[in-house]
């Protein structure tokens, strides 16, 4: 661990360190950059969690349901057959949820009192979700309708109290869900980010390669790739701090400029070509 942090420090500026990279294996350099990437993404993930948790604590499901759920509406599903206690078709529009919404499309339409409603009739309701007597019909982003049968639902009631209870239960499980998202998200993002970096470095390795030639130093492409792997550490660390402090990322040209600067400052004496 001590060696890792020493390598991180030396990756910013230490010509002697860079001149000795010829003795390092490619696998060693890859593992070093993997560790830097994993730590960086972990720090960014924790930063997001720290910002999200206070917002989660502000959530009040009961208050939300009071403001959003239609007064008096109750839907019952018994043995796969849905019914409601309101005059139908009953429409819940986007404006009912958000008064600033100007879209023409309805959010939910309840139409359980008519048997054998056709798809043409469902489409004419211009609603994202339609509850019929036997099905829940939802419109996909491409306009295609997906039909979910209620056949397997034996006894279920939807009203303001039940919805509030369900949301409160979900909120209790939210911290555990957040932990799982953090763990899997961290692993997934680390994997894809690191894989992309390894591929891009096949091209960026040409930076130390040509800088070495300009400074009349002997550096093979293999050594250049190892050098580039270590030079990416300062770039990743800098971008991590920029993201946390300023919510900004490094443009590609800035990454190139930093790599050129690091190569120019650190490549002085290198081992002979191998």
Protein backbone atom coordinates (compact mmCIF):
# COMPACT_ATOMS: atom_id res chain seq x y z
CA UNK A 1 0.00 0.00 0.00
CA UNK A 2 2.88 2.33 0.84
CA UNK A 3 4.42 1.62 -2.56
CA UNK A 4 1.10 2.39 -4.27
CA UNK A 5 0.78 5.86 -2.73
CA UNK A 6 4.45 6.52 -3.42
CA UNK A 7 3.86 5.63 -7.09
CA UNK A 8 0.83 7.95 -7.15
CA UNK A 9 2.97 10.81 -5.80
CA UNK A 10 5.83 10.07 -8.21
CA UNK A 11 3.47 9.87 -11.19
CA UNK A 12 3.01 13.65 -10.95
CA UNK A 13 6.68 14.52 -11.10
CA UNK A 14 9.73 12.34 -10.68
CA UNK A 15 12.04 11.90 -13.69
CA UNK A 16 13.95 9.14 -11.89
CA UNK A 17 10.72 7.23 -11.29
CA UNK A 18 9.77 7.47 -14.96
CA UNK A 19 13.25 6.51 -16.11
CA UNK A 20 12.95 3.27 -14.10
CA UNK A 21 9.59 2.26 -15.59
CA UNK A 22 11.39 0.10 -18.16
CA UNK A 23 11.84 -2.51 -15.44
CA UNK A 24 8.09 -2.58 -14.67
CA UNK A 25 5.79 -5.15 -16.23
CA UNK A 26 2.76 -4.03 -18.23
CA UNK A 27 0.54 -5.98 -15.80
CA UNK A 28 1.99 -4.02 -12.88
CA UNK A 29 1.19 -0.71 -14.58
CA UNK A 30 -2.34 -1.90 -15.45
CA UNK A 31 -3.04 -2.93 -11.85
CA UNK A 32 -1.75 0.44 -10.65
CA UNK A 33 -4.10 2.35 -12.94
CA UNK A 34 -6.98 0.00 -12.06
CA UNK A 35 -6.50 0.84 -8.37
CA UNK A 36 -6.41 4.58 -9.11
CA UNK A 37 -9.56 4.31 -11.24
CA UNK A 38 -11.40 2.24 -8.62
CA UNK A 39 -10.53 4.66 -5.80
CA UNK A 40 -11.49 7.66 -7.93
CA UNK A 41 -14.90 6.24 -8.85
CA UNK A 42 -15.47 5.14 -5.23
CA UNK A 43 -14.80 8.71 -4.02
CA UNK A 44 -17.14 10.13 -6.68
CA UNK A 45 -19.81 7.59 -5.72
CA UNK A 46 -19.58 8.46 -2.02
CA UNK A 47 -19.78 12.15 -2.94
CA UNK A 48 -23.05 11.50 -4.79
CA UNK A 49 -24.45 9.43 -1.91
CA UNK A 50 -23.60 12.17 0.60
CA UNK A 51 -25.58 14.64 -1.51
CA UNK A 52 -28.51 12.30 -2.13
CA UNK A 53 -29.11 11.08 1.45
CA UNK A 54 -30.28 14.48 2.80
CA UNK A 55 -32.73 14.72 -0.11
CA UNK A 56 -34.06 11.22 0.64
CA UNK A 57 -34.65 12.20 4.27
CA UNK A 58 -36.84 15.07 3.08
CA UNK A 59 -39.22 12.67 1.32
CA UNK A 60 -42.60 12.46 3.03
CA UNK A 61 -44.68 9.76 1.29
CA UNK A 62 -47.84 10.66 3.21
CA UNK A 63 -47.62 14.31 2.22
CA UNK A 64 -46.82 13.36 -1.37
CA UNK A 65 -49.86 11.07 -1.60
CA UNK A 66 -52.08 13.74 -0.03
CA UNK A 67 -51.03 16.22 -2.69
CA UNK A 68 -51.03 13.91 -5.69
CA UNK A 69 -53.46 11.03 -5.20
CA UNK A 70 -57.01 11.81 -6.44
CA UNK A 71 -59.40 12.37 -3.57
CA UNK A 72 -61.79 9.47 -2.96
CA UNK A 73 -60.45 7.25 -5.75
CA UNK A 74 -60.41 3.53 -4.98
CA UNK A 75 -59.58 0.73 -7.38
CA UNK A 76 -60.27 -2.90 -6.57
CA UNK A 77 -58.96 -5.93 -8.40
CA UNK A 78 -60.72 -9.18 -7.53
CA UNK A 79 -59.86 -12.45 -9.30
CA UNK A 80 -58.30 -10.57 -12.21
CA UNK A 81 -61.22 -8.15 -12.67
CA UNK A 82 -60.70 -4.44 -11.98
CA UNK A 83 -63.36 -1.97 -10.87
CA UNK A 84 -63.43 1.57 -9.50
CA UNK A 85 -65.73 3.79 -7.47
CA UNK A 86 -65.60 6.77 -9.87
CA UNK A 87 -67.37 7.77 -13.06
CA UNK A 88 -65.45 6.43 -16.04
CA UNK A 89 -63.46 6.93 -18.12
CA UNK A 90 -61.60 8.57 -15.23
CA UNK A 91 -58.57 10.55 -16.35
CA UNK A 92 -55.52 11.57 -14.32
CA UNK A 93 -53.65 14.10 -16.44
CA UNK A 94 -50.06 15.27 -16.18
CA UNK A 95 -51.41 18.62 -15.00
CA UNK A 96 -53.02 16.90 -12.01
CA UNK A 97 -49.53 15.85 -10.89
CA UNK A 98 -47.62 18.93 -12.03
CA UNK A 99 -49.52 22.17 -12.57
CA UNK A 100 -46.67 23.48 -14.77
CA UNK A 101 -46.93 20.56 -17.21
CA UNK A 102 -48.29 21.75 -20.56
CA UNK A 103 -48.37 18.40 -22.39
CA UNK A 104 -51.62 17.22 -23.95
CA UNK A 105 -51.08 13.55 -23.06
CA UNK A 106 -52.92 11.99 -20.12
CA UNK A 107 -51.00 10.08 -17.47
CA UNK A 108 -53.52 7.42 -16.41
CA UNK A 109 -57.00 6.56 -17.62
CA UNK A 110 -59.25 4.19 -15.68
CA UNK A 111 -61.78 2.46 -17.94
CA UNK A 112 -62.96 -0.69 -16.17
CA UNK A 113 -66.71 -0.48 -16.71
CA UNK A 114 -66.62 -1.47 -20.37
CA UNK A 115 -65.94 -5.06 -21.39
CA UNK A 116 -63.81 -6.00 -24.40
CA UNK A 117 -62.39 -2.56 -25.05
CA UNK A 118 -60.48 -2.48 -28.35
CA UNK A 119 -56.91 -1.33 -28.90
CA UNK A 120 -58.19 1.49 -31.11
CA UNK A 121 -60.31 2.77 -28.23
CA UNK A 122 -57.33 2.53 -25.86
CA UNK A 123 -55.14 4.50 -28.28
CA UNK A 124 -57.85 7.15 -28.67
CA UNK A 125 -57.70 7.82 -24.91
CA UNK A 126 -54.23 9.36 -25.46
CA UNK A 127 -52.96 8.06 -22.14
CA UNK A 128 -49.61 6.64 -21.05
CA UNK A 129 -51.34 4.01 -18.90
CA UNK A 130 -54.85 2.61 -19.25
CA UNK A 131 -56.47 0.33 -16.69
CA UNK A 132 -59.20 -1.78 -18.27
CA UNK A 133 -61.38 -4.41 -16.68
CA UNK A 134 -58.87 -7.19 -17.31
CA UNK A 135 -55.58 -5.54 -18.32
CA UNK A 136 -53.10 -2.80 -17.58
CA UNK A 137 -52.01 -1.24 -20.86
CA UNK A 138 -48.87 0.90 -20.99
CA UNK A 139 -47.42 2.85 -23.88
CA UNK A 140 -43.70 2.39 -24.56
CA UNK A 141 -41.43 5.24 -25.64
CA UNK A 142 -41.72 4.13 -29.28
CA UNK A 143 -45.53 4.30 -29.14
CA UNK A 144 -46.03 0.54 -28.95
CA UNK A 145 -48.56 -0.74 -26.41
CA UNK A 146 -47.63 -3.34 -23.80
CA UNK A 147 -50.46 -5.30 -22.21
CA UNK A 148 -50.19 -6.78 -18.71
CA UNK A 149 -52.98 -9.15 -17.75
CA UNK A 150 -54.60 -8.83 -14.31
CA UNK A 151 -55.45 -12.52 -14.33
CA UNK A 152 -52.94 -13.37 -11.60
CA UNK A 153 -54.18 -10.65 -9.21
CA UNK A 154 -56.58 -12.27 -6.71
CA UNK A 155 -57.43 -9.48 -4.29
CA UNK A 156 -55.85 -6.04 -4.33
CA UNK A 157 -57.13 -2.58 -3.41
CA UNK A 158 -55.62 0.76 -4.39
CA UNK A 159 -56.62 3.80 -2.38
CA UNK A 160 -54.91 6.76 -0.74
CA UNK A 161 -54.16 4.90 2.50
CA UNK A 162 -52.74 1.80 0.79
CA UNK A 163 -50.55 3.82 -1.56
CA UNK A 164 -49.19 5.81 1.40
CA UNK A 165 -48.43 2.59 3.32
CA UNK A 166 -46.66 1.06 0.32
CA UNK A 167 -44.51 4.15 -0.21
CA UNK A 168 -43.56 4.26 3.48
CA UNK A 169 -42.47 0.61 3.35
CA UNK A 170 -40.44 1.24 0.21
CA UNK A 171 -38.78 4.23 1.85
CA UNK A 172 -37.60 2.00 4.72
CA UNK A 173 -35.85 -0.29 2.22
CA UNK A 174 -34.39 2.61 0.25
CA UNK A 175 -31.08 2.83 2.22
CA UNK A 176 -30.36 -0.87 1.56
CA UNK A 177 -31.28 -0.41 -2.09
CA UNK A 178 -28.97 2.60 -2.24
CA UNK A 179 -26.08 0.56 -0.81
CA UNK A 180 -26.62 -2.15 -3.44
CA UNK A 181 -26.76 0.46 -6.19
CA UNK A 182 -23.52 2.00 -4.91
CA UNK A 183 -21.70 -1.34 -4.79
CA UNK A 184 -22.86 -2.63 -8.17
CA UNK A 185 -22.68 0.79 -9.77
CA UNK A 186 -19.12 1.29 -8.52
CA UNK A 187 -18.04 -2.11 -9.87
CA UNK A 188 -19.78 -1.57 -13.22
CA UNK A 189 -18.54 1.98 -13.81
CA UNK A 190 -15.01 1.03 -12.74
CA UNK A 191 -14.96 -1.87 -15.20
CA UNK A 192 -16.21 0.10 -18.20
CA UNK A 193 -14.22 3.23 -17.41
CA UNK A 194 -11.01 1.28 -16.95
CA UNK A 195 -11.55 -0.78 -20.11
CA UNK A 196 -12.16 2.40 -22.11
CA UNK A 197 -9.02 4.01 -20.66
CA UNK A 198 -6.87 0.99 -21.59
CA UNK A 199 -8.09 1.18 -25.18
CA UNK A 200 -7.59 4.95 -25.49
CA UNK A 201 -4.09 4.63 -24.05
CA UNK A 202 -3.05 2.54 -27.07
CA UNK A 203 -3.27 5.84 -28.95
CA UNK A 204 -2.19 8.19 -26.14
CA UNK A 205 0.97 6.11 -25.61
CA UNK A 206 2.27 7.88 -28.71
CA UNK A 207 2.63 11.07 -26.63
CA UNK A 208 5.52 9.83 -24.42
CA UNK A 209 6.87 7.93 -27.45
CA UNK A 210 7.27 11.08 -29.58
CA UNK A 211 8.27 13.32 -26.65
CA UNK A 212 11.11 10.86 -25.93
CA UNK A 213 12.21 11.05 -29.57
CA UNK A 214 12.18 14.88 -29.43
CA UNK A 215 14.38 14.71 -26.33
CA UNK A 216 16.58 12.11 -28.05
CA UNK A 217 15.73 9.39 -25.56
CA UNK A 218 15.26 5.73 -26.47
CA UNK A 219 11.73 4.65 -25.63
CA UNK A 220 9.95 1.69 -27.20
CA UNK A 221 6.20 1.61 -27.76
CA UNK A 222 5.88 -0.93 -24.92
CA UNK A 223 7.72 1.41 -22.55
CA UNK A 224 5.59 4.29 -23.83
CA UNK A 225 2.41 2.39 -23.03
CA UNK A 226 3.65 1.64 -19.48
CA UNK A 227 4.60 5.30 -19.10
CA UNK A 228 1.18 6.44 -20.33
CA UNK A 229 -0.54 4.11 -17.83
CA UNK A 230 1.26 5.84 -14.97
CA UNK A 231 0.77 9.32 -16.45
CA UNK A 232 -3.00 8.79 -16.50
CA UNK A 233 -3.07 8.70 -12.69
CA UNK A 234 -2.62 12.49 -12.28
CA UNK A 235 -5.26 13.06 -14.97
CA UNK A 236 -7.81 10.84 -13.18
CA UNK A 237 -7.04 12.38 -9.79
CA UNK A 238 -7.34 15.93 -11.14
CA UNK A 239 -10.64 15.12 -12.85
CA UNK A 240 -11.96 13.58 -9.63
CA UNK A 241 -11.30 16.79 -7.70
CA UNK A 242 -12.76 18.93 -10.49
CA UNK A 243 -15.94 16.84 -10.46
CA UNK A 244 -16.34 17.03 -6.68
CA UNK A 245 -15.52 20.72 -6.27
CA UNK A 246 -16.79 22.28 -9.51
CA UNK A 247 -19.02 19.54 -11.00
CA UNK A 248 -16.82 19.74 -14.10
CA UNK A 249 -14.86 17.27 -16.17
CA UNK A 250 -11.68 17.59 -18.17
CA UNK A 251 -12.18 18.09 -21.90
CA UNK A 252 -10.18 15.72 -24.08
CA UNK A 253 -7.84 18.48 -25.21
CA UNK A 254 -6.98 19.20 -21.56
CA UNK A 255 -6.15 15.52 -21.01
CA UNK A 256 -3.82 15.63 -24.02
CA UNK A 257 -2.18 18.82 -22.73
CA UNK A 258 -1.59 17.34 -19.26
CA UNK A 259 -0.09 14.16 -20.73
CA UNK A 260 2.23 16.18 -22.98
CA UNK A 261 3.31 18.31 -19.99
CA UNK A 262 3.90 15.24 -17.79
CA UNK A 263 5.88 13.55 -20.55
CA UNK A 264 7.99 16.64 -21.20
CA UNK A 265 8.80 17.19 -17.52
CA UNK A 266 9.47 13.56 -16.57
CA UNK A 267 11.09 11.91 -19.59
CA UNK A 268 14.77 12.65 -19.30
CA UNK A 269 16.75 9.49 -18.80
CA UNK A 270 15.27 6.18 -19.86
CA UNK A 271 16.58 2.69 -20.35
CA UNK A 272 17.81 1.59 -23.70
CA UNK A 273 15.31 0.35 -26.28
CA UNK A 274 14.03 -3.19 -25.64
